[in-house]
Protein backbone atom coordinates (compact mmCIF):
# COMPACT_ATOMS: atom_id res chain seq x y z
CA UNK A 1 -1.63 0.04 9.52
CA UNK A 2 -5.15 -0.77 9.47
CA UNK A 3 -5.34 2.59 7.08
CA UNK A 4 -2.60 1.65 5.09
CA UNK A 5 -3.68 -2.07 5.10
CA UNK A 6 -7.22 -0.99 3.30
CA UNK A 7 -5.47 1.38 1.30
CA UNK A 8 -2.62 -0.81 -0.50
CA UNK A 9 -5.70 -3.12 -0.93
CA UNK A 10 -7.07 -1.30 -4.24
CA UNK A 11 -4.28 -3.03 -6.79
CA UNK A 12 -5.60 -6.52 -6.20
CA UNK A 13 -9.09 -5.10 -6.02
CA UNK A 14 -9.47 -3.60 -9.30
CA UNK A 15 -5.98 -3.63 -11.25
CA UNK A 16 -8.00 -5.53 -13.93
CA UNK A 17 -10.55 -3.79 -14.33
CA UNK A 18 -8.50 -0.69 -14.33
CA UNK A 19 -6.21 -1.35 -16.55
CA UNK A 20 -8.97 -3.39 -19.30
CA UNK A 21 -10.37 -0.18 -18.97
CA UNK A 22 -8.00 2.85 -18.57
CA UNK A 23 -5.79 1.42 -20.64
CA UNK A 24 -7.42 -1.24 -23.00
CA UNK A 25 -4.93 -3.74 -21.83
CA UNK A 26 -5.31 -7.50 -23.37
CA UNK A 27 -5.06 -10.52 -20.53
CA UNK A 28 -2.03 -10.51 -21.32
CA UNK A 29 -0.82 -7.23 -20.15
CA UNK A 30 -2.55 -7.13 -16.74
CA UNK A 31 -0.81 -10.77 -16.09
CA UNK A 32 2.48 -9.18 -17.27
CA UNK A 33 1.99 -5.97 -15.45
CA UNK A 34 1.30 -8.16 -12.06
CA UNK A 35 3.84 -10.38 -12.81
CA UNK A 36 6.50 -7.08 -13.09
CA UNK A 37 4.90 -5.51 -10.28
CA UNK A 38 5.76 -8.92 -7.97
CA UNK A 39 8.64 -9.63 -9.31
CA UNK A 40 10.49 -5.72 -8.69
CA UNK A 41 8.60 -5.71 -4.56
CA UNK A 42 10.27 -9.29 -4.42
CA UNK A 43 13.88 -7.94 -5.44
CA UNK A 44 13.03 -4.44 -3.03
CA UNK A 45 12.29 -6.98 -0.01
CA UNK A 46 15.63 -8.87 -0.74
CA UNK A 47 18.09 -6.55 -1.80
CA UNK A 48 17.03 -3.25 -0.77
CA UNK A 49 14.94 -3.10 2.31
CA UNK A 50 17.38 -4.13 4.81
CA UNK A 51 19.94 -1.62 3.66
CA UNK A 52 17.43 1.20 4.16
CA UNK A 53 15.90 0.00 7.49
CA UNK A 54 19.40 -0.14 8.80
CA UNK A 55 20.49 3.14 7.40
CA UNK A 56 17.04 5.15 8.08
CA UNK A 57 15.06 2.81 10.23
CA UNK A 58 11.82 1.41 10.26
CA UNK A 59 9.89 5.16 11.16
CA UNK A 60 11.45 5.98 8.49
CA UNK A 61 11.36 3.73 6.06
CA UNK A 62 7.77 3.31 6.28
CA UNK A 63 7.13 7.16 5.74
CA UNK A 64 9.17 6.59 2.58
CA UNK A 65 6.88 3.88 1.16
CA UNK A 66 3.97 4.96 2.23
CA UNK A 67 4.46 8.65 0.45
CA UNK A 68 5.97 6.70 -2.51
CA UNK A 69 3.00 4.34 -2.71
CA UNK A 70 0.84 7.36 -2.31
CA UNK A 71 2.61 8.78 -5.14
CA UNK A 72 2.29 6.20 -6.71
CA UNK A 73 -1.95 5.69 -6.24
CA UNK A 74 -2.26 9.25 -7.47
CA UNK A 75 -0.38 8.67 -10.70
CA UNK A 76 -2.47 5.41 -11.56
CA UNK A 77 -5.88 8.04 -10.54
CA UNK A 78 -4.14 10.20 -12.87
CA UNK A 79 -2.19 8.91 -15.59
CA UNK A 80 -4.14 8.15 -18.91
CA UNK A 81 -1.11 6.43 -21.17
CA UNK A 82 -1.12 2.92 -19.84
CA UNK A 83 3.26 2.58 -20.89
CA UNK A 84 3.89 5.30 -18.43
CA UNK A 85 1.88 3.77 -15.76
CA UNK A 86 3.79 0.61 -17.27
CA UNK A 87 7.18 2.19 -16.90
CA UNK A 88 6.27 3.69 -13.35
CA UNK A 89 5.54 0.28 -11.76
CA UNK A 90 9.33 -0.79 -10.71
CA UNK A 91 9.02 2.19 -8.71
CA UNK A 92 5.94 2.40 -6.80
CA UNK A 93 7.89 -1.35 -5.08
CA UNK A 94 8.97 1.01 -2.79
CA UNK A 95 5.75 0.88 -1.25
CA UNK A 96 6.05 -2.53 0.04
CA UNK A 97 8.71 -1.93 2.56
CA UNK A 98 5.58 -0.58 4.85
CA UNK A 99 3.97 -3.20 5.90
CA UNK A 100 6.61 -4.89 7.30
CA UNK A 101 7.96 -1.82 9.12
CA UNK A 102 4.89 -1.23 10.23
CA UNK A 103 4.45 -4.20 12.05
CA UNK A 104 8.23 -4.16 13.29
CA UNK A 105 6.95 -1.03 14.90
CA UNK A 106 4.04 -2.36 16.43
CA UNK A 107 6.03 -5.89 17.72
CA UNK A 108 8.73 -3.33 19.52
CA UNK A 109 5.78 -1.65 21.34
CA UNK A 110 4.99 -5.01 22.73
CA UNK A 111 6.93 -6.95 25.93
CA UNK A 112 7.66 -11.08 25.46
CA UNK A 113 4.42 -11.97 26.85
CA UNK A 114 1.88 -9.71 24.70
CA UNK A 115 3.88 -10.59 21.32
CA UNK A 116 1.12 -13.60 20.12
CA UNK A 117 -1.84 -10.65 21.04
CA UNK A 118 0.45 -8.18 18.70
CA UNK A 119 0.68 -9.99 16.08
CA UNK A 120 -2.75 -11.48 16.56
CA UNK A 121 -4.53 -8.06 16.46
CA UNK A 122 -1.88 -7.04 13.11
CA UNK A 123 -4.01 -10.23 11.44
CA UNK A 124 -7.08 -9.67 12.35
CA UNK A 125 -6.48 -5.51 11.00
CA UNK A 126 -5.36 -7.09 8.00
CA UNK A 127 -8.60 -9.57 7.90
CA UNK A 128 -10.91 -6.59 8.86
CA UNK A 129 -8.88 -4.27 5.73
CA UNK A 130 -9.32 -6.88 3.26
CA UNK A 131 -13.24 -7.61 4.17
CA UNK A 132 -13.67 -3.15 3.20
CA UNK A 133 -11.50 -2.23 0.58
CA UNK A 134 -13.83 -3.95 -2.05
CA UNK A 135 -16.59 -2.50 -0.27
CA UNK A 136 -14.81 0.80 -0.99
CA UNK A 137 -13.25 0.45 -4.07
CA UNK A 138 -14.99 -1.92 -6.53
CA UNK A 139 -18.32 0.00 -5.83
CA UNK A 140 -16.66 3.34 -6.54
CA UNK A 141 -15.00 2.36 -10.12
CA UNK A 142 -18.36 0.63 -11.02
CA UNK A 143 -20.16 3.67 -10.20
CA UNK A 144 -17.47 6.08 -11.91
CA UNK A 145 -17.19 3.92 -15.31
CA UNK A 146 -21.11 3.12 -14.88
CA UNK A 147 -23.80 5.03 -17.80
CA UNK A 148 -25.04 6.92 -14.65
CA UNK A 149 -21.81 8.74 -13.65
CA UNK A 150 -21.44 12.25 -12.76
CA UNK A 151 -18.37 12.20 -14.67
CA UNK A 152 -16.34 9.34 -16.12
CA UNK A 153 -12.87 8.42 -14.43
CA UNK A 154 -11.17 5.66 -14.27
CA UNK A 155 -9.17 6.48 -11.62
CA UNK A 156 -11.06 7.21 -8.99
CA UNK A 157 -10.13 3.94 -6.56
CA UNK A 158 -6.87 5.06 -6.70
CA UNK A 159 -7.73 8.39 -5.81
CA UNK A 160 -9.91 7.08 -2.96
CA UNK A 161 -6.72 5.23 -1.93
CA UNK A 162 -4.14 7.95 -2.23
CA UNK A 163 -6.49 9.94 0.63
CA UNK A 164 -7.29 7.01 2.58
CA UNK A 165 -3.00 6.55 2.46
CA UNK A 166 -2.61 9.73 3.29
CA UNK A 167 -4.67 9.36 6.51
CA UNK A 168 -2.25 6.59 7.31
CA UNK A 169 1.06 8.63 6.28
CA UNK A 170 -0.53 11.62 9.00
CA UNK A 171 -1.26 8.98 11.83
CA UNK A 172 2.15 7.56 11.07
CA UNK A 173 3.83 10.99 11.14
CA UNK A 174 1.97 12.05 14.36
CA UNK A 175 2.54 8.68 16.14
CA UNK A 176 4.67 9.06 19.32
CA UNK A 177 8.03 7.38 19.04
CA UNK A 178 8.11 4.27 21.05
CA UNK A 179 10.39 4.32 24.63
CA UNK A 180 13.58 3.14 23.55
CA UNK A 181 14.95 -0.12 26.02
CA UNK A 182 16.78 0.67 28.95
CA UNK A 183 20.17 -1.13 28.57
CA UNK A 184 20.33 -0.90 32.43
CA UNK A 185 17.27 -4.24 32.50
CA UNK A 186 18.86 -5.94 29.76
């Protein structure tokens, strides 16, 4: 959860700087891209997420979302054509499945008396991730696009985010499944 939180914050931390520098987008195009991503993520949450979770479960859905998120981060790290990047944004909405599924998975591991603690812990992880993310992505973007960069690369923040998301993916795949509730106890 923590690693995914850090990696997924690459978008709000660097998007405007990245797209203006990498693709030469205007403020209007940056705003339009953010609106497109927001709308497609909202549509994913409203119309698709419940169906995917019902069919595959939260764990597989989170895995699908992370895989899509990692692919998107790598794409933005490498794609040099702004219109190709723009056209990929609706496909990247799949990553909006991750946070709700991970939260639900954590919630299932807690009993009724510890739900508040789990939710508080999750919120704390999100807050700490929001502090750490800009200390990673913004300085790296500034350094690799500045005059003293060893090589010029606007995609560095997305490459780092993809590595962190890849670590989150490995943790998710290696995590033990939560025990199923005993129907006799219910």
